Amino acid sequence: MKQQQPAGGIFSTPQAAHLLKDKAAVERLTQSPDTKALMEMLNRNGGLKAAAEAAMKGDASQLQGLLSQLMRDPEGARVVERINRSVPKD
């Protein structure tokens, strides 16, 4: 069964809207070693591509599974936590 994401998804949250207005913060975030490590983890075995394609068709379950797997991995959880701490809150 397909799970539909609400319109706008995570990008419609106040935190995301604030971050997206700060181009310098977005640039720092995209260039950080932690973000690069996160992308490598997500891209293993084509996981992110397949999950993104399914999500674009309305099925977010693969993406949710990929993120759950990432967070169960101790290194993945540490990388996500470091990225979270580096994002401006206000």
PDB file of N, CA and C in Angstrom:
ATOM      1  N   MET A   1       0.835  -1.180   0.000  1.00  0.00           N
ATOM      2  CA  MET A   1       0.000   0.000   0.000  1.00  0.00           C
ATOM      3  C   MET A   1       0.879   1.241   0.000  1.00  0.00           C
ATOM      4  N   LYS A   2       0.582   2.185  -0.872  1.00  0.00           N
ATOM      5  CA  LYS A   2       1.393   3.389  -0.984  1.00  0.00           C
ATOM      6  C   LYS A   2       1.049   4.365   0.121  1.00  0.00           C
ATOM      7  N   GLN A   3       2.095   4.999   0.652  1.00  0.00           N
ATOM      8  CA  GLN A   3       1.903   6.035   1.654  1.00  0.00           C
ATOM      9  C   GLN A   3       2.137   7.382   1.002  1.00  0.00           C
ATOM     10  N   GLN A   4       1.165   8.248   1.076  1.00  0.00           N
ATOM     11  CA  GLN A   4       1.269   9.558   0.468  1.00  0.00           C
ATOM     12  C   GLN A   4       1.885  10.546   1.449  1.00  0.00           C
ATOM     13  N   GLN A   5       2.770  11.375   0.936  1.00  0.00           N
ATOM     14  CA  GLN A   5       3.355  12.452   1.713  1.00  0.00           C
ATOM     15  C   GLN A   5       2.457  13.671   1.589  1.00  0.00           C
ATOM     16  N   PRO A   6       2.330  14.471   2.651  1.00  0.00           N
ATOM     17  CA  PRO A   6       1.568  15.700   2.521  1.00  0.00           C
ATOM     18  C   PRO A   6       2.260  16.645   1.546  1.00  0.00           C
ATOM     19  N   ALA A   7       1.470  17.499   0.938  1.00  0.00           N
ATOM     20  CA  ALA A   7       2.033  18.462  -0.015  1.00  0.00           C
ATOM     21  C   ALA A   7       3.134  19.259   0.660  1.00  0.00           C
ATOM     22  N   GLY A   8       4.273  19.346   0.010  1.00  0.00           N
ATOM     23  CA  GLY A   8       5.392  20.100   0.563  1.00  0.00           C
ATOM     24  C   GLY A   8       6.306  19.261   1.429  1.00  0.00           C
ATOM     25  N   GLY A   9       5.791  18.211   2.041  1.00  0.00           N
ATOM     26  CA  GLY A   9       6.592  17.310   2.859  1.00  0.00           C
ATOM     27  C   GLY A   9       7.438  18.039   3.890  1.00  0.00           C
ATOM     28  N   ILE A  10       8.665  17.561   4.080  1.00  0.00           N
ATOM     29  CA  ILE A  10       9.535  18.144   5.097  1.00  0.00           C
ATOM     30  C   ILE A  10       9.930  19.574   4.780  1.00  0.00           C
ATOM     31  N   PHE A  11       9.839  19.961   3.521  1.00  0.00           N
ATOM     32  CA  PHE A  11      10.238  21.313   3.148  1.00  0.00           C
ATOM     33  C   PHE A  11       9.219  22.366   3.559  1.00  0.00           C
ATOM     34  N   SER A  12       8.047  21.926   4.027  1.00  0.00           N
ATOM     35  CA  SER A  12       7.031  22.887   4.449  1.00  0.00           C
ATOM     36  C   SER A  12       7.090  23.168   5.950  1.00  0.00           C
ATOM     37  N   THR A  13       8.043  22.570   6.660  1.00  0.00           N
ATOM     38  CA  THR A  13       8.167  22.829   8.089  1.00  0.00           C
ATOM     39  C   THR A  13       8.795  24.197   8.323  1.00  0.00           C
ATOM     40  N   PRO A  14       8.499  24.832   9.450  1.00  0.00           N
ATOM     41  CA  PRO A  14       9.106  26.137   9.741  1.00  0.00           C
ATOM     42  C   PRO A  14      10.635  26.076   9.775  1.00  0.00           C
ATOM     43  N   GLN A  15      11.198  24.981  10.307  1.00  0.00           N
ATOM     44  CA  GLN A  15      12.645  24.853  10.385  1.00  0.00           C
ATOM     45  C   GLN A  15      13.258  24.806   8.984  1.00  0.00           C
ATOM     46  N   ALA A  16      12.644  24.043   8.088  1.00  0.00           N
ATOM     47  CA  ALA A  16      13.159  23.951   6.720  1.00  0.00           C
ATOM     48  C   ALA A  16      13.026  25.285   6.000  1.00  0.00           C
ATOM     49  N   ALA A  17      11.893  25.953   6.196  1.00  0.00           N
ATOM     50  CA  ALA A  17      11.688  27.254   5.547  1.00  0.00           C
ATOM     51  C   ALA A  17      12.756  28.241   6.001  1.00  0.00           C
ATOM     52  N   HIS A  18      13.062  28.237   7.288  1.00  0.00           N
ATOM     53  CA  HIS A  18      14.092  29.135   7.827  1.00  0.00           C
ATOM     54  C   HIS A  18      15.458  28.802   7.220  1.00  0.00           C
ATOM     55  N   LEU A  19      15.798  27.518   7.187  1.00  0.00           N
ATOM     56  CA  LEU A  19      17.089  27.103   6.645  1.00  0.00           C
ATOM     57  C   LEU A  19      17.204  27.471   5.163  1.00  0.00           C
ATOM     58  N   LEU A  20      16.146  27.234   4.414  1.00  0.00           N
ATOM     59  CA  LEU A  20      16.204  27.496   2.973  1.00  0.00           C
ATOM     60  C   LEU A  20      16.371  28.978   2.648  1.00  0.00           C
ATOM     61  N   LYS A  21      16.023  29.853   3.592  1.00  0.00           N
ATOM     62  CA  LYS A  21      16.216  31.293   3.390  1.00  0.00           C
ATOM     63  C   LYS A  21      17.667  31.711   3.629  1.00  0.00           C
ATOM     64  N   ASP A  22      18.431  30.876   4.313  1.00  0.00           N
ATOM     65  CA  ASP A  22      19.821  31.179   4.649  1.00  0.00           C
ATOM     66  C   ASP A  22      20.741  30.452   3.670  1.00  0.00           C
ATOM     67  N   LYS A  23      21.037  31.097   2.545  1.00  0.00           N
ATOM     68  CA  LYS A  23      21.813  30.446   1.491  1.00  0.00           C
ATOM     69  C   LYS A  23      23.203  30.031   1.963  1.00  0.00           C
ATOM     70  N   ALA A  24      23.813  30.822   2.819  1.00  0.00           N
ATOM     71  CA  ALA A  24      25.145  30.479   3.320  1.00  0.00           C
ATOM     72  C   ALA A  24      25.083  29.206   4.166  1.00  0.00           C
ATOM     73  N   ALA A  25      24.042  29.079   4.984  1.00  0.00           N
ATOM     74  CA  ALA A  25      23.890  27.888   5.822  1.00  0.00           C
ATOM     75  C   ALA A  25      23.638  26.650   4.953  1.00  0.00           C
ATOM     76  N   VAL A  26      22.842  26.800   3.918  1.00  0.00           N
ATOM     77  CA  VAL A  26      22.584  25.686   3.006  1.00  0.00           C
ATOM     78  C   VAL A  26      23.884  25.266   2.318  1.00  0.00           C
ATOM     79  N   GLU A  27      24.661  26.236   1.885  1.00  0.00           N
ATOM     80  CA  GLU A  27      25.944  25.942   1.230  1.00  0.00           C
ATOM     81  C   GLU A  27      26.884  25.198   2.184  1.00  0.00           C
ATOM     82  N   ARG A  28      26.989  25.687   3.421  1.00  0.00           N
ATOM     83  CA  ARG A  28      27.846  25.011   4.413  1.00  0.00           C
ATOM     84  C   ARG A  28      27.351  23.586   4.647  1.00  0.00           C
ATOM     85  N   LEU A  29      26.057  23.435   4.753  1.00  0.00           N
ATOM     86  CA  LEU A  29      25.477  22.119   5.014  1.00  0.00           C
ATOM     87  C   LEU A  29      25.758  21.157   3.865  1.00  0.00           C
ATOM     88  N   THR A  30      25.578  21.603   2.633  1.00  0.00           N
ATOM     89  CA  THR A  30      25.782  20.710   1.491  1.00  0.00           C
ATOM     90  C   THR A  30      27.246  20.359   1.277  1.00  0.00           C
ATOM     91  N   GLN A  31      28.154  21.196   1.735  1.00  0.00           N
ATOM     92  CA  GLN A  31      29.582  20.947   1.541  1.00  0.00           C
ATOM     93  C   GLN A  31      30.251  20.268   2.730  1.00  0.00           C
ATOM     94  N   SER A  32      29.521  20.033   3.803  1.00  0.00           N
ATOM     95  CA  SER A  32      30.144  19.485   5.009  1.00  0.00           C
ATOM     96  C   SER A  32      30.545  18.021   4.824  1.00  0.00           C
ATOM     97  N   PRO A  33      31.607  17.607   5.471  1.00  0.00           N
ATOM     98  CA  PRO A  33      32.023  16.201   5.418  1.00  0.00           C
ATOM     99  C   PRO A  33      30.928  15.262   5.924  1.00  0.00           C
ATOM    100  N   ASP A  34      30.167  15.695   6.929  1.00  0.00           N
ATOM    101  CA  ASP A  34      29.094  14.849   7.449  1.00  0.00           C
ATOM    102  C   ASP A  34      27.993  14.643   6.419  1.00  0.00           C
ATOM    103  N   THR A  35      27.649  15.686   5.685  1.00  0.00           N
ATOM    104  CA  THR A  35      26.624  15.546   4.653  1.00  0.00           C
ATOM    105  C   THR A  35      27.119  14.620   3.550  1.00  0.00           C
ATOM    106  N   LYS A  36      28.375  14.752   3.190  1.00  0.00           N
ATOM    107  CA  LYS A  36      28.939  13.864   2.167  1.00  0.00           C
ATOM    108  C   LYS A  36      28.940  12.414   2.659  1.00  0.00           C
ATOM    109  N   ALA A  37      29.275  12.201   3.922  1.00  0.00           N
ATOM    110  CA  ALA A  37      29.258  10.851   4.490  1.00  0.00           C
ATOM    111  C   ALA A  37      27.830  10.301   4.511  1.00  0.00           C
ATOM    112  N   LEU A  38      26.875  11.150   4.862  1.00  0.00           N
ATOM    113  CA  LEU A  38      25.478  10.737   4.888  1.00  0.00           C
ATOM    114  C   LEU A  38      25.021  10.308   3.491  1.00  0.00           C
ATOM    115  N   MET A  39      25.373  11.089   2.490  1.00  0.00           N
ATOM    116  CA  MET A  39      24.973  10.752   1.122  1.00  0.00           C
ATOM    117  C   MET A  39      25.608   9.434   0.670  1.00  0.00           C
ATOM    118  N   GLU A  40      26.846   9.189   1.057  1.00  0.00           N
ATOM    119  CA  GLU A  40      27.486   7.913   0.719  1.00  0.00           C
ATOM    120  C   GLU A  40      26.738   6.758   1.357  1.00  0.00           C
ATOM    121  N   MET A  41      26.357   6.926   2.620  1.00  0.00           N
ATOM    122  CA  MET A  41      25.615   5.867   3.312  1.00  0.00           C
ATOM    123  C   MET A  41      24.270   5.610   2.632  1.00  0.00           C
ATOM    124  N   LEU A  42      23.572   6.678   2.272  1.00  0.00           N
ATOM    125  CA  LEU A  42      22.256   6.536   1.650  1.00  0.00           C
ATOM    126  C   LEU A  42      22.342   5.966   0.240  1.00  0.00           C
ATOM    127  N   ASN A  43      23.433   6.238  -0.455  1.00  0.00           N
ATOM    128  CA  ASN A  43      23.574   5.791  -1.841  1.00  0.00           C
ATOM    129  C   ASN A  43      24.082   4.362  -1.980  1.00  0.00           C
ATOM    130  N   ARG A  44      24.468   3.745  -0.884  1.00  0.00           N
ATOM    131  CA  ARG A  44      24.979   2.373  -0.966  1.00  0.00           C
ATOM    132  C   ARG A  44      23.961   1.482  -1.664  1.00  0.00           C
ATOM    133  N   ASN A  45      24.453   0.686  -2.585  1.00  0.00           N
ATOM    134  CA  ASN A  45      23.639  -0.301  -3.296  1.00  0.00           C
ATOM    135  C   ASN A  45      22.448   0.318  -4.036  1.00  0.00           C
ATOM    136  N   GLY A  46      22.561   1.580  -4.406  1.00  0.00           N
ATOM    137  CA  GLY A  46      21.487   2.221  -5.155  1.00  0.00           C
ATOM    138  C   GLY A  46      20.247   2.492  -4.329  1.00  0.00           C
ATOM    139  N   GLY A  47      20.360   2.389  -3.033  1.00  0.00           N
ATOM    140  CA  GLY A  47      19.202   2.527  -2.145  1.00  0.00           C
ATOM    141  C   GLY A  47      18.487   3.862  -2.251  1.00  0.00           C
ATOM    142  N   LEU A  48      19.231   4.941  -2.270  1.00  0.00           N
ATOM    143  CA  LEU A  48      18.603   6.257  -2.301  1.00  0.00           C
ATOM    144  C   LEU A  48      17.894   6.499  -3.624  1.00  0.00           C
ATOM    145  N   LYS A  49      18.507   6.104  -4.709  1.00  0.00           N
ATOM    146  CA  LYS A  49      17.886   6.329  -6.028  1.00  0.00           C
ATOM    147  C   LYS A  49      16.560   5.592  -6.121  1.00  0.00           C
ATOM    148  N   ALA A  50      16.557   4.331  -5.751  1.00  0.00           N
ATOM    149  CA  ALA A  50      15.321   3.542  -5.818  1.00  0.00           C
ATOM    150  C   ALA A  50      14.261   4.104  -4.881  1.00  0.00           C
ATOM    151  N   ALA A  51      14.666   4.499  -3.678  1.00  0.00           N
ATOM    152  CA  ALA A  51      13.719   5.046  -2.714  1.00  0.00           C
ATOM    153  C   ALA A  51      13.153   6.384  -3.187  1.00  0.00           C
ATOM    154  N   ALA A  52      14.010   7.216  -3.787  1.00  0.00           N
ATOM    155  CA  ALA A  52      13.554   8.511  -4.290  1.00  0.00           C
ATOM    156  C   ALA A  52      12.586   8.327  -5.446  1.00  0.00           C
ATOM    157  N   GLU A  53      12.884   7.385  -6.336  1.00  0.00           N
ATOM    158  CA  GLU A  53      11.981   7.129  -7.456  1.00  0.00           C
ATOM    159  C   GLU A  53      10.620   6.647  -6.965  1.00  0.00           C
ATOM    160  N   ALA A  54      10.613   5.760  -5.980  1.00  0.00           N
ATOM    161  CA  ALA A  54       9.348   5.280  -5.427  1.00  0.00           C
ATOM    162  C   ALA A  54       8.593   6.421  -4.735  1.00  0.00           C
ATOM    163  N   ALA A  55       9.315   7.266  -4.013  1.00  0.00           N
ATOM    164  CA  ALA A  55       8.671   8.386  -3.313  1.00  0.00           C
ATOM    165  C   ALA A  55       8.051   9.370  -4.302  1.00  0.00           C
ATOM    166  N   MET A  56       8.722   9.582  -5.426  1.00  0.00           N
ATOM    167  CA  MET A  56       8.177  10.484  -6.440  1.00  0.00           C
ATOM    168  C   MET A  56       6.886   9.938  -7.038  1.00  0.00           C
ATOM    169  N   LYS A  57       6.713   8.634  -6.952  1.00  0.00           N
ATOM    170  CA  LYS A  57       5.484   7.998  -7.441  1.00  0.00           C
ATOM    171  C   LYS A  57       4.439   7.878  -6.334  1.00  0.00           C
ATOM    172  N   GLY A  58       4.751   8.430  -5.152  1.00  0.00           N
ATOM    173  CA  GLY A  58       3.794   8.433  -4.051  1.00  0.00           C
ATOM    174  C   GLY A  58       4.013   7.378  -2.992  1.00  0.00           C
ATOM    175  N   ASP A  59       5.041   6.547  -3.145  1.00  0.00           N
ATOM    176  CA  ASP A  59       5.310   5.494  -2.171  1.00  0.00           C
ATOM    177  C   ASP A  59       6.558   5.846  -1.367  1.00  0.00           C
ATOM    178  N   ALA A  60       6.348   6.346  -0.175  1.00  0.00           N
ATOM    179  CA  ALA A  60       7.467   6.774   0.666  1.00  0.00           C
ATOM    180  C   ALA A  60       8.008   5.652   1.544  1.00  0.00           C
ATOM    181  N   SER A  61       7.458   4.449   1.452  1.00  0.00           N
ATOM    182  CA  SER A  61       7.865   3.375   2.351  1.00  0.00           C
ATOM    183  C   SER A  61       9.328   2.977   2.188  1.00  0.00           C
ATOM    184  N   GLN A  62       9.845   2.956   0.943  1.00  0.00           N
ATOM    185  CA  GLN A  62      11.257   2.615   0.747  1.00  0.00           C
ATOM    186  C   GLN A  62      12.167   3.667   1.369  1.00  0.00           C
ATOM    187  N   LEU A  63      11.796   4.926   1.215  1.00  0.00           N
ATOM    188  CA  LEU A  63      12.585   6.011   1.792  1.00  0.00           C
ATOM    189  C   LEU A  63      12.555   5.931   3.316  1.00  0.00           C
ATOM    190  N   GLN A  64      11.384   5.665   3.864  1.00  0.00           N
ATOM    191  CA  GLN A  64      11.277   5.516   5.319  1.00  0.00           C
ATOM    192  C   GLN A  64      12.117   4.352   5.817  1.00  0.00           C
ATOM    193  N   GLY A  65      12.108   3.248   5.076  1.00  0.00           N
ATOM    194  CA  GLY A  65      12.917   2.093   5.445  1.00  0.00           C
ATOM    195  C   GLY A  65      14.406   2.394   5.380  1.00  0.00           C
ATOM    196  N   LEU A  66      14.811   3.115   4.351  1.00  0.00           N
ATOM    197  CA  LEU A  66      16.214   3.498   4.198  1.00  0.00           C
ATOM    198  C   LEU A  66      16.663   4.377   5.364  1.00  0.00           C
ATOM    199  N   LEU A  67      15.821   5.328   5.734  1.00  0.00           N
ATOM    200  CA  LEU A  67      16.159   6.208   6.856  1.00  0.00           C
ATOM    201  C   LEU A  67      16.164   5.452   8.181  1.00  0.00           C
ATOM    202  N   SER A  68      15.237   4.519   8.344  1.00  0.00           N
ATOM    203  CA  SER A  68      15.230   3.703   9.568  1.00  0.00           C
ATOM    204  C   SER A  68      16.500   2.875   9.675  1.00  0.00           C
ATOM    205  N   GLN A  69      16.898   2.292   8.547  1.00  0.00           N
ATOM    206  CA  GLN A  69      18.131   1.504   8.515  1.00  0.00           C
ATOM    207  C   GLN A  69      19.330   2.383   8.864  1.00  0.00           C
ATOM    208  N   LEU A  70      19.369   3.572   8.300  1.00  0.00           N
ATOM    209  CA  LEU A  70      20.458   4.505   8.585  1.00  0.00           C
ATOM    210  C   LEU A  70      20.525   4.829  10.078  1.00  0.00           C
ATOM    211  N   MET A  71      19.381   5.087  10.685  1.00  0.00           N
ATOM    212  CA  MET A  71      19.359   5.471  12.097  1.00  0.00           C
ATOM    213  C   MET A  71      19.658   4.311  13.026  1.00  0.00           C
ATOM    214  N   ARG A  72      19.487   3.071  12.562  1.00  0.00           N
ATOM    215  CA  ARG A  72      19.856   1.904  13.382  1.00  0.00           C
ATOM    216  C   ARG A  72      21.361   1.669  13.355  1.00  0.00           C
ATOM    217  N   ASP A  73      22.025   2.187  12.342  1.00  0.00           N
ATOM    218  CA  ASP A  73      23.471   2.066  12.234  1.00  0.00           C
ATOM    219  C   ASP A  73      24.100   3.116  13.148  1.00  0.00           C
ATOM    220  N   PRO A  74      24.953   2.715  14.102  1.00  0.00           N
ATOM    221  CA  PRO A  74      25.523   3.692  15.031  1.00  0.00           C
ATOM    222  C   PRO A  74      26.235   4.851  14.342  1.00  0.00           C
ATOM    223  N   GLU A  75      27.007   4.565  13.309  1.00  0.00           N
ATOM    224  CA  GLU A  75      27.708   5.646  12.607  1.00  0.00           C
ATOM    225  C   GLU A  75      26.717   6.544  11.879  1.00  0.00           C
ATOM    226  N   GLY A  76      25.711   5.959  11.271  1.00  0.00           N
ATOM    227  CA  GLY A  76      24.683   6.749  10.594  1.00  0.00           C
ATOM    228  C   GLY A  76      23.971   7.684  11.563  1.00  0.00           C
ATOM    229  N   ALA A  77      23.623   7.166  12.724  1.00  0.00           N
ATOM    230  CA  ALA A  77      22.947   7.981  13.732  1.00  0.00           C
ATOM    231  C   ALA A  77      23.847   9.117  14.211  1.00  0.00           C
ATOM    232  N   ARG A  78      25.144   8.845  14.361  1.00  0.00           N
ATOM    233  CA  ARG A  78      26.077   9.900  14.784  1.00  0.00           C
ATOM    234  C   ARG A  78      26.187  10.994  13.721  1.00  0.00           C
ATOM    235  N   VAL A  79      26.270  10.597  12.462  1.00  0.00           N
ATOM    236  CA  VAL A  79      26.373  11.578  11.378  1.00  0.00           C
ATOM    237  C   VAL A  79      25.116  12.454  11.345  1.00  0.00           C
ATOM    238  N   VAL A  80      23.955  11.834  11.431  1.00  0.00           N
ATOM    239  CA  VAL A  80      22.703  12.598  11.414  1.00  0.00           C
ATOM    240  C   VAL A  80      22.653  13.561  12.595  1.00  0.00           C
ATOM    241  N   GLU A  81      23.080  13.119  13.760  1.00  0.00           N
ATOM    242  CA  GLU A  81      23.065  13.984  14.944  1.00  0.00           C
ATOM    243  C   GLU A  81      24.012  15.172  14.761  1.00  0.00           C
ATOM    244  N   ARG A  82      25.192  14.921  14.210  1.00  0.00           N
ATOM    245  CA  ARG A  82      26.127  16.043  13.977  1.00  0.00           C
ATOM    246  C   ARG A  82      25.550  17.035  12.966  1.00  0.00           C
ATOM    247  N   ILE A  83      24.913  16.537  11.920  1.00  0.00           N
ATOM    248  CA  ILE A  83      24.294  17.422  10.942  1.00  0.00           C
ATOM    249  C   ILE A  83      23.185  18.217  11.613  1.00  0.00           C
ATOM    250  N   ASN A  84      22.375  17.566  12.387  1.00  0.00           N
ATOM    251  CA  ASN A  84      21.266  18.231  13.086  1.00  0.00           C
ATOM    252  C   ASN A  84      21.774  19.350  13.985  1.00  0.00           C
ATOM    253  N   ARG A  85      22.874  19.114  14.685  1.00  0.00           N
ATOM    254  CA  ARG A  85      23.441  20.141  15.572  1.00  0.00           C
ATOM    255  C   ARG A  85      24.013  21.310  14.787  1.00  0.00           C
ATOM    256  N   SER A  86      24.439  21.063  13.550  1.00  0.00           N
ATOM    257  CA  SER A  86      25.066  22.127  12.759  1.00  0.00           C
ATOM    258  C   SER A  86      24.064  23.025  12.044  1.00  0.00           C
ATOM    259  N   VAL A  87      22.804  22.616  11.984  1.00  0.00           N
ATOM    260  CA  VAL A  87      21.793  23.396  11.282  1.00  0.00           C
ATOM    261  C   VAL A  87      21.323  24.528  12.190  1.00  0.00           C
ATOM    262  N   PRO A  88      21.335  25.768  11.686  1.00  0.00           N
ATOM    263  CA  PRO A  88      20.842  26.885  12.498  1.00  0.00           C
ATOM    264  C   PRO A  88      19.391  26.669  12.902  1.00  0.00           C
ATOM    265  N   LYS A  89      19.085  26.936  14.153  1.00  0.00           N
ATOM    266  CA  LYS A  89      17.732  26.726  14.661  1.00  0.00           C
ATOM    267  C   LYS A  89      16.858  27.962  14.501  1.00  0.00           C
ATOM    268  N   ASP A  90      17.434  29.109  14.538  1.00  0.00           N
ATOM    269  CA  ASP A  90      16.650  30.364  14.410  1.00  0.00           C
ATOM    270  C   ASP A  90      17.306  31.313  13.454  1.00  0.00           C
TER     271      ASP A  90
END
